[in-house]
């Protein structure tokens, strides 16, 4: 494959955004490309993740209460490979992260709503 992107890969940072469906606040998660995966530095969540985003991306997601599709991990890995191969520009890869952001937004807007879903359900024996 021809490398089209002359930017140094180890200096590339992308932003994955999580939008809260409750108050429309946006959490921006910087994801730095590394040779083994992604490096995340957001508050107390600092460290290297796998190509699929484990563990820090998912710890951040769990903290927010925002739902993400299970298959998103494969998309994070796919974006990592695109950066590693150098066949896409930084802007094209960021566009991929933006697509994932929009996917998560749509998922969270379509959750079941109403009193039935807000009440605690007693634990079964």
N, C-alpha and C. Protein backbone atom coordinates (compact mmCIF):
# COMPACT_ATOMS: atom_id res chain seq x y z
N UNK A 1 0.82 -1.18 0.00
CA UNK A 1 0.00 0.00 0.00
C UNK A 1 0.87 1.25 0.00
N UNK A 2 0.49 2.22 -0.76
CA UNK A 2 1.23 3.47 -0.83
C UNK A 2 0.90 4.33 0.38
N UNK A 3 1.95 4.88 0.99
CA UNK A 3 1.74 5.77 2.11
C UNK A 3 1.51 7.17 1.57
N UNK A 4 0.29 7.69 1.75
CA UNK A 4 -0.08 9.00 1.24
C UNK A 4 0.07 10.09 2.28
N UNK A 5 0.12 9.72 3.55
CA UNK A 5 0.12 10.70 4.61
C UNK A 5 1.54 10.94 5.11
N UNK A 6 2.12 12.13 4.85
CA UNK A 6 3.49 12.39 5.27
C UNK A 6 3.62 12.80 6.74
N UNK A 7 2.50 12.98 7.45
CA UNK A 7 2.56 13.41 8.84
C UNK A 7 3.16 12.31 9.72
N UNK A 8 3.98 12.69 10.70
CA UNK A 8 4.52 11.67 11.62
C UNK A 8 3.38 11.04 12.41
N UNK A 9 3.24 9.74 12.29
CA UNK A 9 2.13 9.05 12.92
C UNK A 9 2.18 9.14 14.44
N UNK A 10 3.38 9.08 15.02
CA UNK A 10 3.48 9.07 16.47
C UNK A 10 3.12 10.42 17.10
N UNK A 11 2.85 11.41 16.30
CA UNK A 11 2.45 12.71 16.81
C UNK A 11 0.98 13.01 16.52
N UNK A 12 0.26 12.04 16.02
CA UNK A 12 -1.14 12.27 15.63
C UNK A 12 -2.08 12.11 16.82
N UNK A 13 -2.92 13.12 17.01
CA UNK A 13 -3.95 13.08 18.04
C UNK A 13 -5.30 13.27 17.38
N UNK A 14 -6.25 12.46 17.81
CA UNK A 14 -7.61 12.54 17.30
C UNK A 14 -8.54 12.77 18.48
N UNK A 15 -9.70 13.32 18.20
CA UNK A 15 -10.66 13.61 19.26
C UNK A 15 -11.92 12.76 19.04
N UNK A 16 -12.23 11.96 20.05
CA UNK A 16 -13.49 11.22 20.08
C UNK A 16 -14.38 11.94 21.07
N UNK A 17 -15.58 12.32 20.62
CA UNK A 17 -16.48 13.11 21.45
C UNK A 17 -17.67 12.26 21.92
N UNK A 18 -18.01 12.45 23.18
CA UNK A 18 -19.20 11.84 23.74
C UNK A 18 -20.15 12.94 24.13
N UNK A 19 -21.36 12.90 23.62
CA UNK A 19 -22.37 13.92 23.92
C UNK A 19 -23.40 13.33 24.88
N UNK A 20 -23.60 14.02 25.99
CA UNK A 20 -24.59 13.57 26.96
C UNK A 20 -25.99 13.86 26.42
N UNK A 21 -26.85 12.85 26.36
CA UNK A 21 -28.21 13.09 25.89
C UNK A 21 -29.04 13.89 26.90
N UNK A 22 -28.60 13.94 28.15
CA UNK A 22 -29.35 14.65 29.19
C UNK A 22 -29.17 16.15 29.11
N UNK A 23 -27.92 16.60 29.04
CA UNK A 23 -27.69 18.05 29.09
C UNK A 23 -26.91 18.59 27.89
N UNK A 24 -26.70 17.74 26.88
CA UNK A 24 -26.01 18.13 25.65
C UNK A 24 -24.55 18.56 25.87
N UNK A 25 -24.00 18.27 27.06
CA UNK A 25 -22.58 18.57 27.27
C UNK A 25 -21.75 17.60 26.42
N UNK A 26 -20.56 18.04 26.04
CA UNK A 26 -19.69 17.22 25.19
C UNK A 26 -18.38 16.97 25.91
N UNK A 27 -18.00 15.71 25.99
CA UNK A 27 -16.73 15.31 26.56
C UNK A 27 -15.81 14.95 25.40
N UNK A 28 -14.69 15.65 25.30
CA UNK A 28 -13.73 15.38 24.23
C UNK A 28 -12.61 14.52 24.78
N UNK A 29 -12.43 13.36 24.16
CA UNK A 29 -11.39 12.42 24.58
C UNK A 29 -10.26 12.45 23.55
N UNK A 30 -9.10 13.01 23.91
CA UNK A 30 -7.97 12.99 22.97
C UNK A 30 -7.37 11.59 22.91
N UNK A 31 -7.19 11.09 21.70
CA UNK A 31 -6.61 9.77 21.49
C UNK A 31 -5.36 9.93 20.63
N UNK A 32 -4.22 9.68 21.23
CA UNK A 32 -2.94 9.79 20.53
C UNK A 32 -2.54 8.42 19.99
N UNK A 33 -2.19 8.38 18.71
CA UNK A 33 -1.73 7.14 18.09
C UNK A 33 -0.39 6.74 18.69
N UNK A 34 -0.25 5.45 19.03
CA UNK A 34 1.05 4.90 19.46
C UNK A 34 1.30 3.63 18.64
N UNK A 35 2.48 3.09 18.77
CA UNK A 35 2.82 1.90 18.00
C UNK A 35 2.01 0.67 18.41
N UNK A 36 1.46 0.70 19.64
CA UNK A 36 0.70 -0.46 20.12
C UNK A 36 -0.79 -0.20 20.25
N UNK A 37 -1.20 1.05 20.19
CA UNK A 37 -2.61 1.35 20.37
C UNK A 37 -2.85 2.85 20.45
N UNK A 38 -3.58 3.27 21.48
CA UNK A 38 -3.91 4.67 21.68
C UNK A 38 -3.44 5.11 23.07
N UNK A 39 -2.99 6.34 23.18
CA UNK A 39 -2.66 6.90 24.49
C UNK A 39 -3.73 7.93 24.82
N UNK A 40 -4.30 7.81 26.02
CA UNK A 40 -5.36 8.69 26.46
C UNK A 40 -4.88 9.48 27.67
N UNK A 41 -5.19 10.77 27.68
CA UNK A 41 -4.85 11.62 28.82
C UNK A 41 -6.04 12.53 29.09
N UNK A 42 -6.91 12.07 29.98
CA UNK A 42 -8.11 12.83 30.30
C UNK A 42 -8.36 12.71 31.80
N UNK A 43 -8.01 13.76 32.53
CA UNK A 43 -8.21 13.75 33.97
C UNK A 43 -7.43 12.64 34.63
N UNK A 44 -8.14 11.80 35.38
CA UNK A 44 -7.46 10.69 36.05
C UNK A 44 -7.27 9.47 35.16
N UNK A 45 -7.77 9.54 33.94
CA UNK A 45 -7.63 8.44 32.98
C UNK A 45 -6.45 8.73 32.06
N UNK A 46 -5.30 8.21 32.45
CA UNK A 46 -4.08 8.47 31.70
C UNK A 46 -3.38 7.14 31.46
N UNK A 47 -3.08 6.86 30.21
CA UNK A 47 -2.32 5.66 29.93
C UNK A 47 -2.56 5.12 28.54
N UNK A 48 -1.84 4.07 28.25
CA UNK A 48 -1.94 3.46 26.93
C UNK A 48 -3.08 2.46 26.89
N UNK A 49 -3.79 2.49 25.79
CA UNK A 49 -4.90 1.58 25.54
C UNK A 49 -4.51 0.64 24.41
N UNK A 50 -5.27 -0.43 24.28
CA UNK A 50 -5.10 -1.30 23.13
C UNK A 50 -5.63 -0.58 21.89
N UNK A 51 -5.50 -1.20 20.76
CA UNK A 51 -6.01 -0.63 19.51
C UNK A 51 -7.53 -0.48 19.54
N UNK A 52 -8.19 -1.29 20.37
CA UNK A 52 -9.65 -1.24 20.47
C UNK A 52 -10.11 -0.26 21.56
N UNK A 53 -9.17 0.33 22.30
CA UNK A 53 -9.51 1.34 23.30
C UNK A 53 -9.52 0.89 24.74
N UNK A 54 -9.19 -0.36 25.02
CA UNK A 54 -9.18 -0.85 26.40
C UNK A 54 -7.89 -0.47 27.09
N UNK A 55 -7.91 -0.11 28.36
CA UNK A 55 -9.07 -0.04 29.23
C UNK A 55 -9.65 1.37 29.37
N UNK A 56 -8.87 2.40 29.09
CA UNK A 56 -9.25 3.77 29.50
C UNK A 56 -10.45 4.35 28.77
N UNK A 57 -10.58 4.10 27.48
CA UNK A 57 -11.73 4.65 26.75
C UNK A 57 -13.02 4.13 27.38
N UNK A 58 -13.04 2.85 27.73
CA UNK A 58 -14.26 2.26 28.27
C UNK A 58 -14.49 2.65 29.73
N UNK A 59 -13.44 2.94 30.47
CA UNK A 59 -13.61 3.47 31.82
C UNK A 59 -14.24 4.86 31.77
N UNK A 60 -13.80 5.66 30.81
CA UNK A 60 -14.37 6.99 30.63
C UNK A 60 -15.84 6.88 30.23
N UNK A 61 -16.12 6.01 29.27
CA UNK A 61 -17.48 5.80 28.80
C UNK A 61 -18.38 5.35 29.96
N UNK A 62 -17.89 4.39 30.76
CA UNK A 62 -18.68 3.91 31.90
C UNK A 62 -19.00 5.05 32.87
N UNK A 63 -18.04 5.94 33.07
CA UNK A 63 -18.24 7.06 33.99
C UNK A 63 -19.35 7.99 33.51
N UNK A 64 -19.49 8.14 32.21
CA UNK A 64 -20.47 9.08 31.66
C UNK A 64 -21.89 8.52 31.64
N UNK A 65 -22.02 7.21 31.62
CA UNK A 65 -23.34 6.61 31.50
C UNK A 65 -23.88 6.63 30.08
N UNK A 66 -23.06 7.03 29.14
CA UNK A 66 -23.46 7.07 27.73
C UNK A 66 -23.30 5.67 27.15
N UNK A 67 -24.30 5.23 26.41
CA UNK A 67 -24.26 3.92 25.77
C UNK A 67 -23.46 3.99 24.48
N UNK A 68 -22.63 2.97 24.25
CA UNK A 68 -21.92 2.88 22.97
C UNK A 68 -22.16 1.49 22.39
N UNK A 69 -22.17 1.39 21.07
CA UNK A 69 -22.36 0.08 20.45
C UNK A 69 -21.19 -0.85 20.78
N UNK A 70 -21.48 -2.10 21.01
CA UNK A 70 -20.43 -3.07 21.32
C UNK A 70 -19.37 -3.10 20.21
N UNK A 71 -19.81 -2.98 18.98
CA UNK A 71 -18.90 -3.10 17.84
C UNK A 71 -17.98 -1.89 17.66
N UNK A 72 -18.14 -0.85 18.48
CA UNK A 72 -17.30 0.33 18.32
C UNK A 72 -15.83 -0.01 18.50
N UNK A 73 -15.55 -1.02 19.32
CA UNK A 73 -14.15 -1.40 19.54
C UNK A 73 -13.46 -1.80 18.24
N UNK A 74 -14.18 -2.48 17.36
CA UNK A 74 -13.60 -2.85 16.07
C UNK A 74 -13.34 -1.64 15.19
N UNK A 75 -14.17 -0.62 15.34
CA UNK A 75 -13.98 0.60 14.56
C UNK A 75 -12.78 1.39 15.07
N UNK A 76 -12.56 1.40 16.39
CA UNK A 76 -11.35 2.04 16.92
C UNK A 76 -10.11 1.34 16.36
N UNK A 77 -10.16 0.02 16.33
CA UNK A 77 -9.02 -0.73 15.81
C UNK A 77 -8.83 -0.47 14.31
N UNK A 78 -9.90 -0.38 13.58
CA UNK A 78 -9.82 -0.09 12.14
C UNK A 78 -9.17 1.27 11.90
N UNK A 79 -9.59 2.28 12.69
CA UNK A 79 -8.98 3.61 12.55
C UNK A 79 -7.49 3.56 12.89
N UNK A 80 -7.15 2.77 13.91
CA UNK A 80 -5.73 2.63 14.27
C UNK A 80 -4.94 2.08 13.08
N UNK A 81 -5.46 1.05 12.43
CA UNK A 81 -4.77 0.47 11.27
C UNK A 81 -4.65 1.48 10.13
N UNK A 82 -5.66 2.28 9.94
CA UNK A 82 -5.60 3.30 8.89
C UNK A 82 -4.48 4.30 9.16
N UNK A 83 -4.32 4.69 10.42
CA UNK A 83 -3.23 5.59 10.78
C UNK A 83 -1.90 4.88 10.58
N UNK A 84 -1.81 3.65 11.05
CA UNK A 84 -0.56 2.88 10.97
C UNK A 84 -0.10 2.69 9.53
N UNK A 85 -1.04 2.46 8.62
CA UNK A 85 -0.69 2.25 7.22
C UNK A 85 -0.37 3.55 6.50
N UNK A 86 -0.82 4.67 7.06
CA UNK A 86 -0.50 5.97 6.47
C UNK A 86 -1.19 6.26 5.16
N UNK A 87 -2.30 5.58 4.90
CA UNK A 87 -2.98 5.78 3.62
C UNK A 87 -4.09 6.82 3.67
N UNK A 88 -4.34 7.37 4.85
CA UNK A 88 -5.36 8.41 5.00
C UNK A 88 -4.74 9.61 5.71
N UNK A 89 -5.27 10.78 5.43
CA UNK A 89 -4.77 11.99 6.09
C UNK A 89 -5.35 12.09 7.50
N UNK A 90 -4.76 12.98 8.28
CA UNK A 90 -5.27 13.22 9.62
C UNK A 90 -6.74 13.63 9.56
N UNK A 91 -7.09 14.49 8.64
CA UNK A 91 -8.47 14.95 8.50
C UNK A 91 -9.43 13.82 8.17
N UNK A 92 -9.00 12.90 7.33
CA UNK A 92 -9.85 11.77 6.97
C UNK A 92 -10.07 10.84 8.18
N UNK A 93 -9.02 10.62 8.94
CA UNK A 93 -9.15 9.78 10.14
C UNK A 93 -10.04 10.47 11.16
N UNK A 94 -9.83 11.79 11.35
CA UNK A 94 -10.68 12.52 12.30
C UNK A 94 -12.14 12.45 11.87
N UNK A 95 -12.38 12.48 10.58
CA UNK A 95 -13.73 12.34 10.06
C UNK A 95 -14.32 10.98 10.47
N UNK A 96 -13.48 9.96 10.49
CA UNK A 96 -13.93 8.64 10.97
C UNK A 96 -14.32 8.68 12.44
N UNK A 97 -13.52 9.37 13.25
CA UNK A 97 -13.87 9.53 14.67
C UNK A 97 -15.18 10.31 14.80
N UNK A 98 -15.37 11.31 13.97
CA UNK A 98 -16.61 12.08 13.99
C UNK A 98 -17.81 11.20 13.62
N UNK A 99 -17.62 10.28 12.68
CA UNK A 99 -18.68 9.34 12.32
C UNK A 99 -19.06 8.48 13.53
N UNK A 100 -18.05 8.04 14.30
CA UNK A 100 -18.33 7.25 15.50
C UNK A 100 -19.07 8.08 16.53
N UNK A 101 -18.68 9.35 16.68
CA UNK A 101 -19.37 10.26 17.59
C UNK A 101 -20.85 10.36 17.22
N UNK A 102 -21.13 10.53 15.94
CA UNK A 102 -22.52 10.65 15.48
C UNK A 102 -23.31 9.35 15.68
N UNK A 103 -22.65 8.22 15.50
CA UNK A 103 -23.28 6.92 15.73
C UNK A 103 -23.71 6.79 17.20
N UNK A 104 -22.82 7.17 18.11
CA UNK A 104 -23.11 7.10 19.54
C UNK A 104 -24.26 8.06 19.88
N UNK A 105 -24.25 9.26 19.30
CA UNK A 105 -25.35 10.22 19.53
C UNK A 105 -26.69 9.63 19.13
N UNK A 106 -26.74 9.04 17.93
CA UNK A 106 -27.99 8.45 17.44
C UNK A 106 -28.46 7.32 18.34
N UNK A 107 -27.54 6.49 18.78
CA UNK A 107 -27.89 5.39 19.66
C UNK A 107 -28.51 5.91 20.95
N UNK A 108 -27.94 6.94 21.53
CA UNK A 108 -28.43 7.46 22.80
C UNK A 108 -29.74 8.23 22.67
N UNK A 109 -30.01 8.75 21.50
CA UNK A 109 -31.29 9.44 21.27
C UNK A 109 -32.44 8.45 21.07
N UNK A 110 -32.12 7.21 20.76
CA UNK A 110 -33.16 6.25 20.44
C UNK A 110 -33.44 5.26 21.57
N UNK A 111 -32.92 5.53 22.77
CA UNK A 111 -33.15 4.62 23.89
C UNK A 111 -34.61 4.67 24.32
N UNK A 112 -35.13 3.56 24.88
CA UNK A 112 -36.49 3.58 25.41
C UNK A 112 -36.61 4.61 26.53
N UNK A 113 -37.70 5.33 26.53
CA UNK A 113 -37.91 6.37 27.54
C UNK A 113 -39.26 6.17 28.21
N UNK A 114 -39.43 6.82 29.32
CA UNK A 114 -40.70 6.76 30.03
C UNK A 114 -40.54 6.17 31.41
N UNK A 115 -41.61 6.30 32.19
CA UNK A 115 -41.59 5.87 33.58
C UNK A 115 -41.23 4.39 33.73
N UNK A 116 -41.71 3.58 32.84
CA UNK A 116 -41.44 2.14 32.90
C UNK A 116 -39.94 1.85 32.92
N UNK A 117 -39.17 2.64 32.20
CA UNK A 117 -37.74 2.39 32.07
C UNK A 117 -36.93 3.11 33.15
N UNK A 118 -37.55 4.02 33.86
CA UNK A 118 -36.84 4.77 34.90
C UNK A 118 -36.95 4.13 36.27
N UNK A 119 -37.97 3.32 36.49
CA UNK A 119 -38.17 2.69 37.79
C UNK A 119 -37.19 1.57 38.02
N UNK A 120 -36.80 1.39 39.28
CA UNK A 120 -35.94 0.27 39.66
C UNK A 120 -36.74 -1.01 39.56
N UNK A 121 -36.14 -2.04 39.07
CA UNK A 121 -36.77 -3.34 38.99
C UNK A 121 -36.20 -4.19 40.12
N UNK A 122 -37.07 -4.80 40.93
CA UNK A 122 -36.55 -5.63 42.02
C UNK A 122 -35.73 -6.80 41.49
N UNK A 123 -34.69 -7.12 42.22
CA UNK A 123 -33.85 -8.25 41.83
C UNK A 123 -34.63 -9.55 41.96
N UNK A 124 -34.42 -10.45 41.02
CA UNK A 124 -35.09 -11.75 41.08
C UNK A 124 -34.28 -12.71 41.93
N UNK A 125 -34.97 -13.69 42.49
CA UNK A 125 -34.28 -14.66 43.38
C UNK A 125 -33.41 -15.60 42.62
